[in-house]
Amino acid sequence: QVQLVESGGGLVQPGGSLRLSCKVSGIAFNAYRLGWYRQAPGKQRELVAAISSEGNTNYRDSVKGRFSISKDINNNTVYLQMNSLKPEDTATYYCNALRLFSASNFWGQGTQVTVSL
């Protein structure tokens, strides 16, 4: 059974930091592109950051220099370090595992991040 379990969300003030974690089980962890997406109310889900099986990373422009994605292959966990958070980062954040050129695409249940005074 494939499971992606996110944790680490919460309420933080503008300028603060959070680290999201996603524990992955049931798949060959390092064979997948791992990503963090977010979805704010009334908006489409968008890719925030991704890390390939080779460790290459990419970020959406609005988070470059503030967010960092990483993975621990020994613990099958992917992280999203978020610094200098802004109110516009408020959203539900979802972990994703995608095996390229296949139909294997898995999602976590989401974790809420709220940036507010």
C-alpha atoms as a PDB file:
ATOM      1  CA  GLN A   1       0.000   0.000   0.000  1.00  0.00           C
ATOM      2  CA  VAL A   2       1.392   3.363  -1.059  1.00  0.00           C
ATOM      3  CA  GLN A   3       1.369   6.069   1.581  1.00  0.00           C
ATOM      4  CA  LEU A   4       2.607   9.643   1.564  1.00  0.00           C
ATOM      5  CA  VAL A   5       2.171  11.236   4.983  1.00  0.00           C
ATOM      6  CA  GLU A   6       2.877  14.943   5.373  1.00  0.00           C
ATOM      7  CA  SER A   7       3.611  16.750   8.596  1.00  0.00           C
ATOM      8  CA  GLY A   8       5.018  20.052   9.764  1.00  0.00           C
ATOM      9  CA  GLY A   9       2.341  22.504   8.737  1.00  0.00           C
ATOM     10  CA  GLY A  10       0.932  25.140  11.035  1.00  0.00           C
ATOM     11  CA  LEU A  11       0.457  28.810  11.745  1.00  0.00           C
ATOM     12  CA  VAL A  12       3.465  31.082  11.425  1.00  0.00           C
ATOM     13  CA  GLN A  13       3.999  34.830  11.319  1.00  0.00           C
ATOM     14  CA  PRO A  14       5.255  36.557   8.174  1.00  0.00           C
ATOM     15  CA  GLY A  15       9.014  36.177   7.939  1.00  0.00           C
ATOM     16  CA  GLY A  16       8.955  32.929   9.858  1.00  0.00           C
ATOM     17  CA  SER A  17       9.996  29.426   8.859  1.00  0.00           C
ATOM     18  CA  LEU A  18       8.489  25.965   8.678  1.00  0.00           C
ATOM     19  CA  ARG A  19       9.800  22.603   7.547  1.00  0.00           C
ATOM     20  CA  LEU A  20       7.395  20.188   5.946  1.00  0.00           C
ATOM     21  CA  SER A  21       8.115  16.472   5.898  1.00  0.00           C
ATOM     22  CA  CYS A  22       6.624  13.717   3.772  1.00  0.00           C
ATOM     23  CA  LYS A  23       7.236  10.113   4.746  1.00  0.00           C
ATOM     24  CA  VAL A  24       6.845   7.814   1.741  1.00  0.00           C
ATOM     25  CA  SER A  25       6.201   4.087   1.859  1.00  0.00           C
ATOM     26  CA  GLY A  26       5.115   1.359  -0.532  1.00  0.00           C
ATOM     27  CA  ILE A  27       7.102   2.543  -3.578  1.00  0.00           C
ATOM     28  CA  ALA A  28      10.692   2.540  -4.759  1.00  0.00           C
ATOM     29  CA  PHE A  29      11.413   5.937  -3.239  1.00  0.00           C
ATOM     30  CA  ASN A  30      14.403   6.913  -5.337  1.00  0.00           C
ATOM     31  CA  ALA A  31      12.751   5.929  -8.616  1.00  0.00           C
ATOM     32  CA  TYR A  32      10.262   8.789  -8.326  1.00  0.00           C
ATOM     33  CA  ARG A  33      10.302  12.509  -8.874  1.00  0.00           C
ATOM     34  CA  LEU A  34       9.153  13.950  -5.542  1.00  0.00           C
ATOM     35  CA  GLY A  35       7.356  17.237  -5.381  1.00  0.00           C
ATOM     36  CA  TRP A  36       5.544  19.668  -3.171  1.00  0.00           C
ATOM     37  CA  TYR A  37       2.412  21.308  -4.505  1.00  0.00           C
ATOM     38  CA  ARG A  38       0.097  23.806  -2.875  1.00  0.00           C
ATOM     39  CA  GLN A  39      -3.471  24.863  -3.299  1.00  0.00           C
ATOM     40  CA  ALA A  40      -5.044  27.989  -1.869  1.00  0.00           C
ATOM     41  CA  PRO A  41      -8.843  28.383  -1.615  1.00  0.00           C
ATOM     42  CA  GLY A  42     -10.340  29.170  -5.001  1.00  0.00           C
ATOM     43  CA  LYS A  43      -7.062  28.581  -6.830  1.00  0.00           C
ATOM     44  CA  GLN A  44      -5.555  25.754  -8.839  1.00  0.00           C
ATOM     45  CA  ARG A  45      -3.015  23.411  -7.364  1.00  0.00           C
ATOM     46  CA  GLU A  46       0.495  24.535  -8.310  1.00  0.00           C
ATOM     47  CA  LEU A  47       3.928  22.998  -8.206  1.00  0.00           C
ATOM     48  CA  VAL A  48       6.131  24.605  -5.573  1.00  0.00           C
ATOM     49  CA  ALA A  49       9.296  22.520  -5.789  1.00  0.00           C
ATOM     50  CA  ALA A  50      10.444  19.165  -7.078  1.00  0.00           C
ATOM     51  CA  ILE A  51      13.468  16.925  -6.791  1.00  0.00           C
ATOM     52  CA  SER A  52      14.299  14.291  -9.362  1.00  0.00           C
ATOM     53  CA  SER A  53      15.553  10.792  -8.720  1.00  0.00           C
ATOM     54  CA  GLU A  54      19.030  12.131  -9.551  1.00  0.00           C
ATOM     55  CA  GLY A  55      18.670  14.949  -7.030  1.00  0.00           C
ATOM     56  CA  ASN A  56      18.070  17.808  -9.455  1.00  0.00           C
ATOM     57  CA  THR A  57      15.749  20.455  -8.075  1.00  0.00           C
ATOM     58  CA  ASN A  58      13.425  23.054  -9.519  1.00  0.00           C
ATOM     59  CA  TYR A  59      11.269  25.733  -7.942  1.00  0.00           C
ATOM     60  CA  ARG A  60       8.505  28.061  -8.928  1.00  0.00           C
ATOM     61  CA  ASP A  61       9.800  31.606  -9.276  1.00  0.00           C
ATOM     62  CA  SER A  62       7.906  33.011  -6.299  1.00  0.00           C
ATOM     63  CA  VAL A  63       9.686  30.722  -3.822  1.00  0.00           C
ATOM     64  CA  LYS A  64      13.206  30.715  -5.261  1.00  0.00           C
ATOM     65  CA  GLY A  65      15.733  31.714  -2.634  1.00  0.00           C
ATOM     66  CA  ARG A  66      13.244  31.117   0.190  1.00  0.00           C
ATOM     67  CA  PHE A  67      12.276  27.440  -0.098  1.00  0.00           C
ATOM     68  CA  SER A  68      14.498  24.398  -0.351  1.00  0.00           C
ATOM     69  CA  ILE A  69      13.513  20.827  -1.203  1.00  0.00           C
ATOM     70  CA  SER A  70      15.603  17.865  -0.133  1.00  0.00           C
ATOM     71  CA  LYS A  71      15.260  14.142   0.394  1.00  0.00           C
ATOM     72  CA  ASP A  72      16.639  11.495   2.722  1.00  0.00           C
ATOM     73  CA  ILE A  73      16.817   8.220   0.828  1.00  0.00           C
ATOM     74  CA  ASN A  74      17.696   6.288   3.986  1.00  0.00           C
ATOM     75  CA  ASN A  75      14.429   7.350   5.612  1.00  0.00           C
ATOM     76  CA  ASN A  76      12.255   7.645   2.490  1.00  0.00           C
ATOM     77  CA  THR A  77      11.379  11.205   3.417  1.00  0.00           C
ATOM     78  CA  VAL A  78      11.204  14.389   1.385  1.00  0.00           C
ATOM     79  CA  TYR A  79      11.395  17.805   3.014  1.00  0.00           C
ATOM     80  CA  LEU A  80      10.443  21.348   2.162  1.00  0.00           C
ATOM     81  CA  GLN A  81      12.263  23.997   4.158  1.00  0.00           C
ATOM     82  CA  MET A  82      10.329  27.252   3.921  1.00  0.00           C
ATOM     83  CA  ASN A  83      11.949  30.482   5.072  1.00  0.00           C
ATOM     84  CA  SER A  84      10.878  34.119   4.903  1.00  0.00           C
ATOM     85  CA  LEU A  85       7.273  33.046   4.647  1.00  0.00           C
ATOM     86  CA  LYS A  86       4.725  35.457   3.247  1.00  0.00           C
ATOM     87  CA  PRO A  87       0.932  35.603   3.614  1.00  0.00           C
ATOM     88  CA  GLU A  88       0.637  34.556  -0.033  1.00  0.00           C
ATOM     89  CA  ASP A  89       2.312  31.245   0.851  1.00  0.00           C
ATOM     90  CA  THR A  90      -0.811  30.310   2.793  1.00  0.00           C
ATOM     91  CA  ALA A  91      -2.235  27.113   1.311  1.00  0.00           C
ATOM     92  CA  THR A  92      -2.650  23.412   1.776  1.00  0.00           C
ATOM     93  CA  TYR A  93       0.631  21.761   0.817  1.00  0.00           C
ATOM     94  CA  TYR A  94       0.626  18.331  -0.810  1.00  0.00           C
ATOM     95  CA  CYS A  95       3.415  15.844  -1.279  1.00  0.00           C
ATOM     96  CA  ASN A  96       3.572  14.082  -4.649  1.00  0.00           C
ATOM     97  CA  ALA A  97       5.468  11.101  -6.019  1.00  0.00           C
ATOM     98  CA  LEU A  98       5.557  10.773  -9.791  1.00  0.00           C
ATOM     99  CA  ARG A  99       7.272   8.086 -11.797  1.00  0.00           C
ATOM    100  CA  LEU A 100       7.998   9.638 -15.165  1.00  0.00           C
ATOM    101  CA  PHE A 101       6.696   7.866 -18.295  1.00  0.00           C
ATOM    102  CA  SER A 102       4.312   5.780 -16.227  1.00  0.00           C
ATOM    103  CA  ALA A 103       0.866   6.055 -14.686  1.00  0.00           C
ATOM    104  CA  SER A 104       2.292   5.974 -11.175  1.00  0.00           C
ATOM    105  CA  ASN A 105       1.333   9.229  -9.518  1.00  0.00           C
ATOM    106  CA  PHE A 106       0.627   9.401  -5.786  1.00  0.00           C
ATOM    107  CA  TRP A 107      -0.500  12.154  -3.409  1.00  0.00           C
ATOM    108  CA  GLY A 108      -0.463  12.794   0.283  1.00  0.00           C
ATOM    109  CA  GLN A 109      -3.436  14.065   2.232  1.00  0.00           C
ATOM    110  CA  GLY A 110      -2.093  17.596   2.578  1.00  0.00           C
ATOM    111  CA  THR A 111      -0.947  19.792   5.430  1.00  0.00           C
ATOM    112  CA  GLN A 112      -2.155  23.327   6.074  1.00  0.00           C
ATOM    113  CA  VAL A 113       0.274  26.230   6.156  1.00  0.00           C
ATOM    114  CA  THR A 114      -1.067  29.575   7.316  1.00  0.00           C
ATOM    115  CA  VAL A 115       1.098  32.694   7.317  1.00  0.00           C
ATOM    116  CA  SER A 116      -0.555  35.437   9.315  1.00  0.00           C
ATOM    117  CA  LEU A 117      -0.030  37.891  12.155  1.00  0.00           C
END
